[in-house]
């Protein structure tokens, strides 16, 4: 399963705000930090505000902040709210299922169980869990692994160093 860019950037917005709780964060700052268009981020921020996760303030000195404590925001809830399609295979959608094996196939049940397990794991993790400062690793820093939550700029910098 692959998360959409929308969900990826939704998580980034929340993480960035969680990492800067002492101040308001601007959309321009987020756009520069993650190399994402301001218009795309505005849609995400509006959705997060409607969900009650972000407080937004317009105008000079405005910006956004977490409306809830990072420890109260479950990653599973964020993913459910931002992903539009959890149909892993065609037969998950009965109205569009054309598979001739459906009557005898158990694959749908396997994927249903896997998806439930996946979401259950995400439900165990909060925004606070994924934004805690970790101790610096010993050894060569060029062995960094690209994660989906790294900005494009960071990924290109990491891969040039490796």
Protein backbone atom coordinates (compact mmCIF):
# COMPACT_ATOMS: atom_id res chain seq x y z
CA UNK A 1 0.00 0.00 0.00
CA UNK A 2 1.24 3.44 -0.83
CA UNK A 3 -0.01 6.63 0.79
CA UNK A 4 -0.95 9.52 -1.47
CA UNK A 5 1.18 12.66 -1.59
CA UNK A 6 -1.76 14.42 0.07
CA UNK A 7 -1.47 12.19 3.13
CA UNK A 8 2.32 12.49 3.11
CA UNK A 9 2.12 16.29 3.16
CA UNK A 10 -0.68 16.23 5.72
CA UNK A 11 1.62 14.32 8.06
CA UNK A 12 4.47 16.72 7.29
CA UNK A 13 2.34 19.75 8.16
CA UNK A 14 1.34 18.21 11.48
CA UNK A 15 4.89 17.12 12.26
CA UNK A 16 6.33 20.54 11.44
CA UNK A 17 3.79 22.20 13.73
CA UNK A 18 4.50 19.67 16.48
CA UNK A 19 8.22 20.38 16.18
CA UNK A 20 7.60 24.15 16.55
CA UNK A 21 5.00 24.38 19.33
CA UNK A 22 6.39 27.68 20.65
CA UNK A 23 5.36 29.68 17.55
CA UNK A 24 2.97 29.91 14.63
CA UNK A 25 4.13 28.27 11.42
CA UNK A 26 3.35 29.87 8.06
CA UNK A 27 2.27 28.17 4.87
CA UNK A 28 5.15 29.90 3.07
CA UNK A 29 7.59 28.39 5.56
CA UNK A 30 6.10 24.93 5.04
CA UNK A 31 6.15 25.34 1.25
CA UNK A 32 9.82 26.34 1.29
CA UNK A 33 10.77 23.61 3.76
CA UNK A 34 9.11 20.79 1.81
CA UNK A 35 9.23 22.13 -1.76
CA UNK A 36 5.44 21.95 -2.09
CA UNK A 37 3.14 24.54 -3.64
CA UNK A 38 1.42 26.95 -1.26
CA UNK A 39 -1.93 26.23 -2.95
CA UNK A 40 -1.60 22.51 -2.24
CA UNK A 41 -0.68 23.21 1.37
CA UNK A 42 -3.60 25.60 1.79
CA UNK A 43 -6.02 22.78 0.92
CA UNK A 44 -4.35 20.51 3.45
CA UNK A 45 -4.31 23.17 6.15
CA UNK A 46 -8.00 23.96 5.56
CA UNK A 47 -8.86 20.26 5.90
CA UNK A 48 -6.84 19.95 9.10
CA UNK A 49 -8.52 23.06 10.52
CA UNK A 50 -11.98 21.65 9.67
CA UNK A 51 -11.01 18.42 11.46
CA UNK A 52 -10.08 20.42 14.55
CA UNK A 53 -6.38 19.57 14.40
CA UNK A 54 -5.01 23.00 13.46
CA UNK A 55 -5.73 26.52 14.59
CA UNK A 56 -5.25 29.03 11.79
CA UNK A 57 -4.79 32.77 12.16
CA UNK A 58 -4.90 35.06 9.12
CA UNK A 59 -2.95 38.22 8.51
CA UNK A 60 0.28 39.70 9.75
CA UNK A 61 1.72 37.60 12.53
CA UNK A 62 -0.68 34.79 11.67
CA UNK A 63 0.03 31.18 10.91
CA UNK A 64 -0.95 27.80 12.18
CA UNK A 65 -0.55 25.79 15.34
CA UNK A 66 -1.72 22.46 16.60
CA UNK A 67 -5.13 22.76 18.20
CA UNK A 68 -4.70 19.47 20.06
CA UNK A 69 -1.74 18.09 21.93
CA UNK A 70 0.54 16.03 19.68
CA UNK A 71 0.05 13.10 22.08
CA UNK A 72 -3.70 13.20 21.35
CA UNK A 73 -3.39 12.96 17.56
CA UNK A 74 -3.29 9.35 16.36
CA UNK A 75 -1.56 8.74 13.05
CA UNK A 76 -4.20 6.17 12.06
CA UNK A 77 -6.93 8.81 12.39
CA UNK A 78 -4.94 11.25 10.25
CA UNK A 79 -4.38 8.64 7.54
CA UNK A 80 -8.06 7.62 7.52
CA UNK A 81 -9.15 11.25 7.20
CA UNK A 82 -6.74 12.10 4.38
CA UNK A 83 -6.73 8.95 2.26
CA UNK A 84 -9.59 8.65 -0.19
CA UNK A 85 -9.28 5.03 -1.26
CA UNK A 86 -8.43 1.95 0.77
CA UNK A 87 -9.48 -0.47 -1.96
CA UNK A 88 -6.39 -2.62 -2.24
CA UNK A 89 -7.86 -4.82 -4.97
CA UNK A 90 -10.74 -4.46 -7.41
CA UNK A 91 -13.15 -6.67 -5.47
CA UNK A 92 -13.15 -4.25 -2.50
CA UNK A 93 -15.62 -2.17 -4.55
CA UNK A 94 -18.59 -4.38 -5.42
CA UNK A 95 -20.01 -1.80 -7.85
CA UNK A 96 -16.86 -1.94 -10.03
CA UNK A 97 -15.80 -5.54 -9.49
CA UNK A 98 -15.41 -7.46 -12.75
CA UNK A 99 -13.21 -10.24 -11.41
CA UNK A 100 -14.48 -13.66 -12.44
CA UNK A 101 -12.79 -15.35 -9.47
CA UNK A 102 -14.67 -13.45 -6.74
CA UNK A 103 -17.00 -16.30 -5.85
CA UNK A 104 -14.08 -18.62 -5.05
CA UNK A 105 -11.35 -16.19 -4.03
CA UNK A 106 -10.16 -15.64 -0.48
CA UNK A 107 -7.66 -12.92 -1.39
CA UNK A 108 -10.07 -10.15 -0.42
CA UNK A 109 -10.24 -11.52 3.12
CA UNK A 110 -6.44 -11.70 3.34
CA UNK A 111 -6.13 -8.06 2.24
CA UNK A 112 -8.95 -6.98 4.55
CA UNK A 113 -7.16 -8.55 7.51
CA UNK A 114 -3.85 -6.99 6.45
CA UNK A 115 -5.44 -3.55 6.12
CA UNK A 116 -7.00 -3.83 9.58
CA UNK A 117 -3.60 -4.78 11.02
CA UNK A 118 -1.94 -1.90 9.20
CA UNK A 119 -4.44 0.61 10.58
CA UNK A 120 -4.23 -0.93 14.06
CA UNK A 121 -0.46 -0.33 14.03
CA UNK A 122 -0.94 3.28 12.92
CA UNK A 123 -3.52 3.75 15.70
CA UNK A 124 -0.85 2.86 18.27
CA UNK A 125 1.30 5.82 17.21
CA UNK A 126 0.69 9.48 17.98
CA UNK A 127 2.10 12.65 16.47
CA UNK A 128 4.18 13.05 19.62
CA UNK A 129 5.72 9.61 19.06
CA UNK A 130 6.95 10.46 15.57
CA UNK A 131 8.29 13.92 16.42
CA UNK A 132 10.37 13.15 19.48
CA UNK A 133 14.00 14.12 19.19
CA UNK A 134 16.13 11.03 18.81
CA UNK A 135 19.72 10.80 20.02
CA UNK A 136 22.30 11.31 17.27
CA UNK A 137 23.43 8.05 15.71
CA UNK A 138 27.04 7.08 15.96
CA UNK A 139 28.95 6.30 12.82
CA UNK A 140 28.71 7.45 9.23
CA UNK A 141 25.79 9.81 8.58
CA UNK A 142 25.85 9.00 4.86
CA UNK A 143 23.96 5.78 5.59
CA UNK A 144 20.74 7.72 6.14
CA UNK A 145 17.62 6.06 4.80
CA UNK A 146 15.17 8.10 2.75
CA UNK A 147 11.81 8.10 4.48
CA UNK A 148 8.51 9.22 3.00
CA UNK A 149 8.39 12.12 5.45
CA UNK A 150 11.63 13.68 4.27
CA UNK A 151 11.30 16.70 2.04
CA UNK A 152 12.31 16.40 -1.60
CA UNK A 153 15.22 18.74 -0.95
CA UNK A 154 16.44 16.55 1.92
CA UNK A 155 16.12 13.39 -0.18
CA UNK A 156 18.17 14.83 -3.03
CA UNK A 157 20.80 16.08 -0.58
CA UNK A 158 20.92 12.68 1.15
CA UNK A 159 21.25 10.77 -2.09
CA UNK A 160 24.06 13.02 -3.36
CA UNK A 161 26.05 12.40 -0.19
CA UNK A 162 25.65 8.63 -0.33
